[in-house]
Amino acid sequence: MKLIWLIAIGGCIGATARFCLANKVKPINDFPLSTLLVNVIGSFLLGFFSGAVLNSTIALLVGTGILGSFTTFSTLKVEIVSLLDQKKWRTAFFYMAVSYIGGIVLAFGGYALGAFFSS
């Protein structure tokens, strides 16, 4: 039961952080910058904490709770569909490329950095 509360508390923190960031960072020419930022920042941080090999309790709090609710896969998909529906092809494909490639590169970099600091 304690683990569920840790995840719930982390989820509250992550969702609140995402909401605050989304309200501070506005779209640029219909480009969903806030979603991009939360997803690439979250990818880096999850990579970092995974590379740092945290104990399972902290990993649940940070990884599943905070970063799981901070990042948003579903909003990314809806925004891509919306951009495609509006026939904003370049913006949609740029958004997909930066989100996926940037997310993977930053997760890898975060993992490597976390592993470096934990050794």
C-alpha atoms as a PDB file:
ATOM      1  CA  MET A   1       0.000   0.000   0.000  1.00  0.00           C
ATOM      2  CA  LYS A   2       2.921   2.327   0.744  1.00  0.00           C
ATOM      3  CA  LEU A   3       4.152   1.971  -2.862  1.00  0.00           C
ATOM      4  CA  ILE A   4       0.777   2.992  -4.281  1.00  0.00           C
ATOM      5  CA  TRP A   5       0.880   6.163  -2.189  1.00  0.00           C
ATOM      6  CA  LEU A   6       4.392   6.939  -3.400  1.00  0.00           C
ATOM      7  CA  ILE A   7       3.266   6.593  -7.011  1.00  0.00           C
ATOM      8  CA  ALA A   8       0.167   8.713  -6.332  1.00  0.00           C
ATOM      9  CA  ILE A   9       2.217  11.459  -4.672  1.00  0.00           C
ATOM     10  CA  GLY A  10       4.718  11.366  -7.532  1.00  0.00           C
ATOM     11  CA  GLY A  11       1.866  11.486 -10.038  1.00  0.00           C
ATOM     12  CA  CYS A  12       0.468  14.570  -8.355  1.00  0.00           C
ATOM     13  CA  ILE A  13       3.873  16.263  -8.508  1.00  0.00           C
ATOM     14  CA  GLY A  14       4.494  15.351 -12.151  1.00  0.00           C
ATOM     15  CA  ALA A  15       1.015  16.301 -13.381  1.00  0.00           C
ATOM     16  CA  THR A  16       1.201  19.629 -11.567  1.00  0.00           C
ATOM     17  CA  ALA A  17       4.644  20.334 -13.029  1.00  0.00           C
ATOM     18  CA  ARG A  18       3.362  19.545 -16.532  1.00  0.00           C
ATOM     19  CA  PHE A  19       0.345  21.818 -16.043  1.00  0.00           C
ATOM     20  CA  CYS A  20       2.553  24.679 -14.831  1.00  0.00           C
ATOM     21  CA  LEU A  21       4.986  24.281 -17.734  1.00  0.00           C
ATOM     22  CA  ALA A  22       2.135  24.111 -20.256  1.00  0.00           C
ATOM     23  CA  ASN A  23       0.739  27.371 -18.899  1.00  0.00           C
ATOM     24  CA  LYS A  24       4.130  29.113 -19.111  1.00  0.00           C
ATOM     25  CA  VAL A  25       5.179  27.857 -22.563  1.00  0.00           C
ATOM     26  CA  LYS A  26       2.773  28.763 -25.324  1.00  0.00           C
ATOM     27  CA  PRO A  27       2.645  27.235 -28.820  1.00  0.00           C
ATOM     28  CA  ILE A  28       4.724  28.925 -31.505  1.00  0.00           C
ATOM     29  CA  ASN A  29       2.852  29.126 -34.816  1.00  0.00           C
ATOM     30  CA  ASP A  30       0.674  26.163 -33.797  1.00  0.00           C
ATOM     31  CA  PHE A  31       3.770  24.153 -32.817  1.00  0.00           C
ATOM     32  CA  PRO A  32       3.013  22.370 -29.494  1.00  0.00           C
ATOM     33  CA  LEU A  33       6.205  23.425 -27.741  1.00  0.00           C
ATOM     34  CA  SER A  34       5.102  22.638 -24.184  1.00  0.00           C
ATOM     35  CA  THR A  35       4.331  18.983 -24.982  1.00  0.00           C
ATOM     36  CA  LEU A  36       7.625  18.640 -26.803  1.00  0.00           C
ATOM     37  CA  LEU A  37       9.487  20.091 -23.822  1.00  0.00           C
ATOM     38  CA  VAL A  38       7.838  17.870 -21.210  1.00  0.00           C
ATOM     39  CA  ASN A  39       8.454  14.778 -23.294  1.00  0.00           C
ATOM     40  CA  VAL A  40      12.130  15.400 -24.087  1.00  0.00           C
ATOM     41  CA  ILE A  41      12.900  16.657 -20.566  1.00  0.00           C
ATOM     42  CA  GLY A  42      11.079  13.631 -19.164  1.00  0.00           C
ATOM     43  CA  SER A  43      12.989  11.298 -21.506  1.00  0.00           C
ATOM     44  CA  PHE A  44      16.306  12.724 -20.337  1.00  0.00           C
ATOM     45  CA  LEU A  45      15.376  12.547 -16.655  1.00  0.00           C
ATOM     46  CA  LEU A  46      13.981   9.017 -16.884  1.00  0.00           C
ATOM     47  CA  GLY A  47      17.154   7.962 -18.683  1.00  0.00           C
ATOM     48  CA  PHE A  48      19.252   9.663 -16.008  1.00  0.00           C
ATOM     49  CA  PHE A  49      17.461   8.039 -13.089  1.00  0.00           C
ATOM     50  CA  SER A  50      17.460   4.643 -14.843  1.00  0.00           C
ATOM     51  CA  GLY A  51      21.188   4.917 -15.459  1.00  0.00           C
ATOM     52  CA  ALA A  52      21.761   5.939 -11.851  1.00  0.00           C
ATOM     53  CA  VAL A  53      20.209   2.607 -10.746  1.00  0.00           C
ATOM     54  CA  LEU A  54      18.000   3.865  -7.955  1.00  0.00           C
ATOM     55  CA  ASN A  55      16.463   1.542  -5.419  1.00  0.00           C
ATOM     56  CA  SER A  56      13.038   0.256  -6.440  1.00  0.00           C
ATOM     57  CA  THR A  57      11.076   2.529  -4.090  1.00  0.00           C
ATOM     58  CA  ILE A  58      12.706   5.718  -5.409  1.00  0.00           C
ATOM     59  CA  ALA A  59      12.395   4.419  -8.976  1.00  0.00           C
ATOM     60  CA  LEU A  60       8.634   4.012  -8.505  1.00  0.00           C
ATOM     61  CA  LEU A  61       8.273   7.483  -7.015  1.00  0.00           C
ATOM     62  CA  VAL A  62      10.404   9.244  -9.632  1.00  0.00           C
ATOM     63  CA  GLY A  63      10.004   7.066 -12.729  1.00  0.00           C
ATOM     64  CA  THR A  64       6.440   5.813 -12.551  1.00  0.00           C
ATOM     65  CA  GLY A  65       4.948   8.589 -10.443  1.00  0.00           C
ATOM     66  CA  ILE A  66       6.595  11.913 -11.237  1.00  0.00           C
ATOM     67  CA  LEU A  67       7.957  11.336 -14.733  1.00  0.00           C
ATOM     68  CA  GLY A  68       5.125   9.025 -15.770  1.00  0.00           C
ATOM     69  CA  SER A  69       2.617  11.797 -15.186  1.00  0.00           C
ATOM     70  CA  PHE A  70       4.929  14.611 -16.310  1.00  0.00           C
ATOM     71  CA  THR A  71       5.377  13.199 -19.812  1.00  0.00           C
ATOM     72  CA  THR A  72       2.439  12.664 -22.126  1.00  0.00           C
ATOM     73  CA  PHE A  73       2.343  10.169 -24.963  1.00  0.00           C
ATOM     74  CA  SER A  74      -1.379  10.584 -25.654  1.00  0.00           C
ATOM     75  CA  THR A  75      -1.253  14.376 -25.994  1.00  0.00           C
ATOM     76  CA  LEU A  76       1.641  13.997 -28.437  1.00  0.00           C
ATOM     77  CA  LYS A  77      -0.491  11.698 -30.595  1.00  0.00           C
ATOM     78  CA  VAL A  78      -3.562  13.958 -30.523  1.00  0.00           C
ATOM     79  CA  GLU A  79      -1.470  17.002 -31.423  1.00  0.00           C
ATOM     80  CA  ILE A  80       0.108  15.153 -34.354  1.00  0.00           C
ATOM     81  CA  VAL A  81      -3.316  14.056 -35.602  1.00  0.00           C
ATOM     82  CA  SER A  82      -4.598  17.619 -35.227  1.00  0.00           C
ATOM     83  CA  LEU A  83      -1.658  19.032 -37.194  1.00  0.00           C
ATOM     84  CA  LEU A  84      -2.181  16.444 -39.944  1.00  0.00           C
ATOM     85  CA  ASP A  85      -5.911  17.196 -39.999  1.00  0.00           C
ATOM     86  CA  GLN A  86      -5.078  20.886 -40.479  1.00  0.00           C
ATOM     87  CA  LYS A  87      -2.784  19.881 -43.357  1.00  0.00           C
ATOM     88  CA  LYS A  88       0.269  21.243 -41.546  1.00  0.00           C
ATOM     89  CA  TRP A  89       2.436  18.444 -42.884  1.00  0.00           C
ATOM     90  CA  ARG A  90       5.855  19.954 -42.244  1.00  0.00           C
ATOM     91  CA  THR A  91       5.018  20.946 -38.693  1.00  0.00           C
ATOM     92  CA  ALA A  92       3.540  17.504 -37.952  1.00  0.00           C
ATOM     93  CA  PHE A  93       6.517  15.589 -39.325  1.00  0.00           C
ATOM     94  CA  PHE A  94       9.035  17.925 -37.703  1.00  0.00           C
ATOM     95  CA  TYR A  95       7.202  17.512 -34.393  1.00  0.00           C
ATOM     96  CA  MET A  96       7.240  13.711 -34.749  1.00  0.00           C
ATOM     97  CA  ALA A  97      10.918  13.616 -35.671  1.00  0.00           C
ATOM     98  CA  VAL A  98      12.056  15.917 -32.874  1.00  0.00           C
ATOM     99  CA  SER A  99       9.833  14.155 -30.328  1.00  0.00           C
ATOM    100  CA  TYR A 100      10.929  10.620 -31.159  1.00  0.00           C
ATOM    101  CA  ILE A 101      14.547  11.102 -32.179  1.00  0.00           C
ATOM    102  CA  GLY A 102      15.166  13.816 -29.579  1.00  0.00           C
ATOM    103  CA  GLY A 103      13.505  11.724 -26.884  1.00  0.00           C
ATOM    104  CA  ILE A 104      15.618   8.671 -27.655  1.00  0.00           C
ATOM    105  CA  VAL A 105      18.862  10.654 -27.881  1.00  0.00           C
ATOM    106  CA  LEU A 106      18.146  12.486 -24.624  1.00  0.00           C
ATOM    107  CA  ALA A 107      17.113   9.270 -22.846  1.00  0.00           C
ATOM    108  CA  PHE A 108      20.386   7.681 -23.962  1.00  0.00           C
ATOM    109  CA  GLY A 109      22.385  10.731 -22.874  1.00  0.00           C
ATOM    110  CA  GLY A 110      20.588  10.858 -19.540  1.00  0.00           C
ATOM    111  CA  TYR A 111      21.199   7.157 -18.993  1.00  0.00           C
ATOM    112  CA  ALA A 112      24.901   7.525 -19.732  1.00  0.00           C
ATOM    113  CA  LEU A 113      25.158  10.525 -17.416  1.00  0.00           C
ATOM    114  CA  GLY A 114      23.256   8.760 -14.640  1.00  0.00           C
ATOM    115  CA  ALA A 115      25.474   5.699 -14.966  1.00  0.00           C
ATOM    116  CA  PHE A 116      28.565   7.917 -14.872  1.00  0.00           C
ATOM    117  CA  PHE A 117      27.471   9.619 -11.657  1.00  0.00           C
ATOM    118  CA  SER A 118      26.434   6.386  -9.964  1.00  0.00           C
ATOM    119  CA  SER A 119      29.801   4.667 -10.483  1.00  0.00           C
END
